[in-house]
Amino acid sequence: MTINLTPEQERRIQAVLSRGAYESVEEVVEAALTAVEQLTVPGFAGTQQELDTLLAEGLASKQPAEDEFWSSVGKQTDAMLAEHKTGPRS
């Protein structure tokens, strides 16, 4: 799918990237889609302001992307396994 952005949309995306909140345009688009999904999915009992606050908190949390998370888990697991293998044997 090809998406054509207006100059204003491109400026806004670049502003988000320059603040370091995301590392790529794809991450910004994913966050925007998530926000739209949250707004359009029925069942959220809070107000729009509460939803906006939660979204802002999530964006500011700098949580790792899924692939970064699993890569981190893999590295930690490898380190634990290496430590176990080199530890004292009974």
N, C-alpha and C. Protein backbone atom coordinates (compact mmCIF):
# COMPACT_ATOMS: atom_id res chain seq x y z
N MET A 1 0.85 -1.18 0.00
CA MET A 1 0.00 0.00 0.00
C MET A 1 0.89 1.24 0.00
N THR A 2 0.57 2.16 -0.85
CA THR A 2 1.29 3.42 -0.90
C THR A 2 0.42 4.50 -0.26
N ILE A 3 1.02 5.29 0.60
CA ILE A 3 0.30 6.36 1.26
C ILE A 3 0.99 7.67 0.92
N ASN A 4 0.21 8.64 0.47
CA ASN A 4 0.74 9.97 0.17
C ASN A 4 0.39 10.89 1.32
N LEU A 5 1.41 11.49 1.91
CA LEU A 5 1.21 12.40 3.03
C LEU A 5 1.27 13.84 2.55
N THR A 6 0.53 14.68 3.24
CA THR A 6 0.63 16.10 2.96
C THR A 6 1.94 16.61 3.55
N PRO A 7 2.40 17.75 3.10
CA PRO A 7 3.63 18.32 3.70
C PRO A 7 3.48 18.53 5.22
N GLU A 8 2.30 18.92 5.66
CA GLU A 8 2.06 19.11 7.09
C GLU A 8 2.18 17.79 7.85
N GLN A 9 1.63 16.72 7.31
CA GLN A 9 1.74 15.41 7.95
C GLN A 9 3.20 14.96 8.03
N GLU A 10 3.94 15.18 6.95
CA GLU A 10 5.36 14.84 6.95
C GLU A 10 6.11 15.65 8.00
N ARG A 11 5.80 16.93 8.13
CA ARG A 11 6.43 17.78 9.13
C ARG A 11 6.15 17.26 10.53
N ARG A 12 4.90 16.87 10.78
CA ARG A 12 4.52 16.37 12.11
C ARG A 12 5.24 15.07 12.43
N ILE A 13 5.35 14.19 11.45
CA ILE A 13 6.07 12.93 11.68
C ILE A 13 7.54 13.21 11.97
N GLN A 14 8.15 14.10 11.20
CA GLN A 14 9.55 14.44 11.44
C GLN A 14 9.74 15.06 12.82
N ALA A 15 8.76 15.84 13.27
CA ALA A 15 8.85 16.45 14.61
C ALA A 15 8.83 15.36 15.68
N VAL A 16 7.98 14.37 15.51
CA VAL A 16 7.92 13.26 16.47
C VAL A 16 9.25 12.50 16.47
N LEU A 17 9.78 12.24 15.29
CA LEU A 17 11.06 11.52 15.20
C LEU A 17 12.20 12.33 15.82
N SER A 18 12.20 13.62 15.61
CA SER A 18 13.29 14.45 16.13
C SER A 18 13.27 14.53 17.66
N ARG A 19 12.11 14.30 18.26
CA ARG A 19 12.02 14.28 19.74
C ARG A 19 12.51 12.95 20.30
N GLY A 20 12.78 11.99 19.44
CA GLY A 20 13.31 10.71 19.90
C GLY A 20 12.28 9.74 20.44
N ALA A 21 11.00 10.05 20.26
CA ALA A 21 9.95 9.18 20.78
C ALA A 21 9.90 7.87 19.99
N TYR A 22 10.25 7.93 18.73
CA TYR A 22 10.24 6.76 17.86
C TYR A 22 11.48 6.79 16.99
N GLU A 23 11.86 5.63 16.50
CA GLU A 23 13.09 5.54 15.72
C GLU A 23 12.84 5.48 14.21
N SER A 24 11.58 5.30 13.80
CA SER A 24 11.31 5.20 12.37
C SER A 24 9.90 5.70 12.07
N VAL A 25 9.69 6.01 10.81
CA VAL A 25 8.36 6.42 10.35
C VAL A 25 7.36 5.28 10.59
N GLU A 26 7.82 4.05 10.39
CA GLU A 26 6.94 2.89 10.59
C GLU A 26 6.44 2.82 12.03
N GLU A 27 7.32 3.13 13.00
CA GLU A 27 6.90 3.11 14.40
C GLU A 27 5.88 4.21 14.68
N VAL A 28 6.06 5.36 14.07
CA VAL A 28 5.11 6.46 14.25
C VAL A 28 3.75 6.07 13.68
N VAL A 29 3.75 5.49 12.49
CA VAL A 29 2.50 5.07 11.85
C VAL A 29 1.81 3.99 12.71
N GLU A 30 2.58 3.05 13.24
CA GLU A 30 2.02 2.00 14.09
C GLU A 30 1.36 2.61 15.33
N ALA A 31 2.01 3.58 15.95
CA ALA A 31 1.44 4.23 17.13
C ALA A 31 0.15 4.98 16.76
N ALA A 32 0.17 5.63 15.61
CA ALA A 32 -1.02 6.35 15.17
C ALA A 32 -2.17 5.40 14.91
N LEU A 33 -1.89 4.28 14.26
CA LEU A 33 -2.93 3.28 14.00
C LEU A 33 -3.48 2.72 15.31
N THR A 34 -2.61 2.48 16.26
CA THR A 34 -3.04 1.99 17.57
C THR A 34 -3.98 3.00 18.23
N ALA A 35 -3.63 4.26 18.14
CA ALA A 35 -4.47 5.30 18.72
C ALA A 35 -5.84 5.33 18.06
N VAL A 36 -5.87 5.23 16.74
CA VAL A 36 -7.14 5.22 16.02
C VAL A 36 -7.96 3.99 16.41
N GLU A 37 -7.31 2.84 16.51
CA GLU A 37 -8.02 1.63 16.91
C GLU A 37 -8.63 1.78 18.29
N GLN A 38 -7.87 2.37 19.20
CA GLN A 38 -8.39 2.57 20.56
C GLN A 38 -9.60 3.50 20.56
N LEU A 39 -9.56 4.50 19.71
CA LEU A 39 -10.68 5.44 19.65
C LEU A 39 -11.92 4.83 19.01
N THR A 40 -11.72 3.85 18.13
CA THR A 40 -12.85 3.32 17.39
C THR A 40 -13.36 1.98 17.91
N VAL A 41 -12.63 1.38 18.85
CA VAL A 41 -13.05 0.10 19.41
C VAL A 41 -14.01 0.36 20.56
N PRO A 42 -15.21 -0.20 20.50
CA PRO A 42 -16.15 0.01 21.60
C PRO A 42 -15.69 -0.72 22.85
N GLY A 43 -16.10 -0.21 23.99
CA GLY A 43 -15.81 -0.91 25.23
C GLY A 43 -14.94 -0.12 26.19
N PHE A 44 -14.30 0.96 25.74
CA PHE A 44 -13.51 1.77 26.67
C PHE A 44 -14.48 2.62 27.47
N ALA A 45 -14.45 2.44 28.79
CA ALA A 45 -15.44 3.10 29.65
C ALA A 45 -15.03 4.51 30.06
N GLY A 46 -13.81 4.91 29.76
CA GLY A 46 -13.33 6.22 30.19
C GLY A 46 -13.74 7.32 29.24
N THR A 47 -13.34 8.50 29.60
CA THR A 47 -13.61 9.67 28.77
C THR A 47 -12.54 9.81 27.70
N GLN A 48 -12.79 10.66 26.72
CA GLN A 48 -11.79 10.93 25.69
C GLN A 48 -10.52 11.49 26.32
N GLN A 49 -10.68 12.34 27.32
CA GLN A 49 -9.51 12.92 27.99
C GLN A 49 -8.68 11.83 28.69
N GLU A 50 -9.36 10.87 29.34
CA GLU A 50 -8.65 9.77 29.99
C GLU A 50 -7.90 8.93 28.96
N LEU A 51 -8.54 8.68 27.84
CA LEU A 51 -7.91 7.91 26.78
C LEU A 51 -6.70 8.66 26.23
N ASP A 52 -6.84 9.96 26.02
CA ASP A 52 -5.72 10.77 25.54
C ASP A 52 -4.56 10.75 26.53
N THR A 53 -4.89 10.81 27.82
CA THR A 53 -3.86 10.77 28.86
C THR A 53 -3.13 9.43 28.83
N LEU A 54 -3.89 8.33 28.74
CA LEU A 54 -3.27 7.01 28.68
C LEU A 54 -2.39 6.87 27.45
N LEU A 55 -2.85 7.38 26.33
CA LEU A 55 -2.07 7.31 25.10
C LEU A 55 -0.78 8.12 25.25
N ALA A 56 -0.87 9.31 25.80
CA ALA A 56 0.32 10.14 26.00
C ALA A 56 1.31 9.46 26.93
N GLU A 57 0.82 8.83 27.99
CA GLU A 57 1.69 8.10 28.91
C GLU A 57 2.38 6.95 28.20
N GLY A 58 1.63 6.24 27.37
CA GLY A 58 2.22 5.13 26.62
C GLY A 58 3.29 5.60 25.66
N LEU A 59 3.03 6.71 24.98
CA LEU A 59 4.01 7.24 24.04
C LEU A 59 5.27 7.70 24.76
N ALA A 60 5.10 8.26 25.95
CA ALA A 60 6.24 8.77 26.71
C ALA A 60 7.01 7.66 27.42
N SER A 61 6.43 6.47 27.52
CA SER A 61 7.06 5.40 28.29
C SER A 61 8.30 4.83 27.62
N LYS A 62 8.44 5.03 26.32
CA LYS A 62 9.59 4.54 25.56
C LYS A 62 9.75 3.03 25.74
N GLN A 63 8.64 2.33 25.73
CA GLN A 63 8.68 0.88 25.80
C GLN A 63 9.32 0.34 24.52
N PRO A 64 10.08 -0.74 24.64
CA PRO A 64 10.71 -1.28 23.44
C PRO A 64 9.69 -1.88 22.48
N ALA A 65 10.01 -1.85 21.22
CA ALA A 65 9.17 -2.51 20.22
C ALA A 65 9.22 -4.01 20.49
N GLU A 66 8.27 -4.75 19.96
CA GLU A 66 8.18 -6.18 20.24
C GLU A 66 9.47 -6.92 19.88
N ASP A 67 10.04 -6.63 18.72
CA ASP A 67 11.27 -7.32 18.33
C ASP A 67 12.43 -6.97 19.24
N GLU A 68 12.48 -5.70 19.71
CA GLU A 68 13.52 -5.31 20.67
C GLU A 68 13.34 -6.04 21.99
N PHE A 69 12.10 -6.18 22.42
CA PHE A 69 11.80 -6.89 23.67
C PHE A 69 12.29 -8.33 23.59
N TRP A 70 11.90 -9.04 22.52
CA TRP A 70 12.28 -10.44 22.41
C TRP A 70 13.78 -10.60 22.23
N SER A 71 14.42 -9.67 21.56
CA SER A 71 15.87 -9.71 21.43
C SER A 71 16.52 -9.57 22.80
N SER A 72 16.00 -8.68 23.61
CA SER A 72 16.50 -8.49 24.97
C SER A 72 16.31 -9.74 25.81
N VAL A 73 15.14 -10.36 25.70
CA VAL A 73 14.88 -11.60 26.44
C VAL A 73 15.87 -12.68 26.01
N GLY A 74 16.10 -12.79 24.71
CA GLY A 74 17.05 -13.78 24.20
C GLY A 74 18.46 -13.55 24.74
N LYS A 75 18.91 -12.30 24.76
CA LYS A 75 20.25 -11.99 25.27
C LYS A 75 20.35 -12.33 26.76
N GLN A 76 19.32 -11.98 27.52
CA GLN A 76 19.34 -12.28 28.95
C GLN A 76 19.33 -13.78 29.19
N THR A 77 18.55 -14.51 28.41
CA THR A 77 18.50 -15.97 28.55
C THR A 77 19.85 -16.58 28.20
N ASP A 78 20.47 -16.12 27.12
CA ASP A 78 21.78 -16.62 26.73
C ASP A 78 22.81 -16.36 27.83
N ALA A 79 22.76 -15.18 28.42
CA ALA A 79 23.71 -14.84 29.50
C ALA A 79 23.49 -15.74 30.71
N MET A 80 22.24 -15.99 31.06
CA MET A 80 21.94 -16.87 32.20
C MET A 80 22.41 -18.29 31.92
N LEU A 81 22.20 -18.76 30.71
CA LEU A 81 22.62 -20.11 30.33
C LEU A 81 24.15 -20.22 30.37
N ALA A 82 24.84 -19.22 29.85
CA ALA A 82 26.31 -19.23 29.86
C ALA A 82 26.83 -19.22 31.28
N GLU A 83 26.20 -18.43 32.14
CA GLU A 83 26.62 -18.38 33.55
C GLU A 83 26.38 -19.73 34.23
N HIS A 84 25.28 -20.34 33.92
CA HIS A 84 24.95 -21.65 34.51
C HIS A 84 25.97 -22.70 34.05
N LYS A 85 26.34 -22.67 32.78
CA LYS A 85 27.28 -23.65 32.25
C LYS A 85 28.68 -23.49 32.83
N THR A 86 29.08 -22.26 33.13
CA THR A 86 30.43 -22.03 33.63
C THR A 86 30.50 -22.03 35.15
N GLY A 87 29.37 -22.14 35.82
CA GLY A 87 29.34 -22.16 37.29
C GLY A 87 29.87 -23.45 37.85
N PRO A 88 30.03 -23.54 39.18
CA PRO A 88 30.53 -24.76 39.81
C PRO A 88 29.58 -25.93 39.62
N ARG A 89 30.16 -27.10 39.42
CA ARG A 89 29.35 -28.32 39.25
C ARG A 89 29.43 -29.13 40.51
N SER A 90 28.31 -29.78 40.84
CA SER A 90 28.31 -30.61 42.04
C SER A 90 28.51 -32.06 41.75
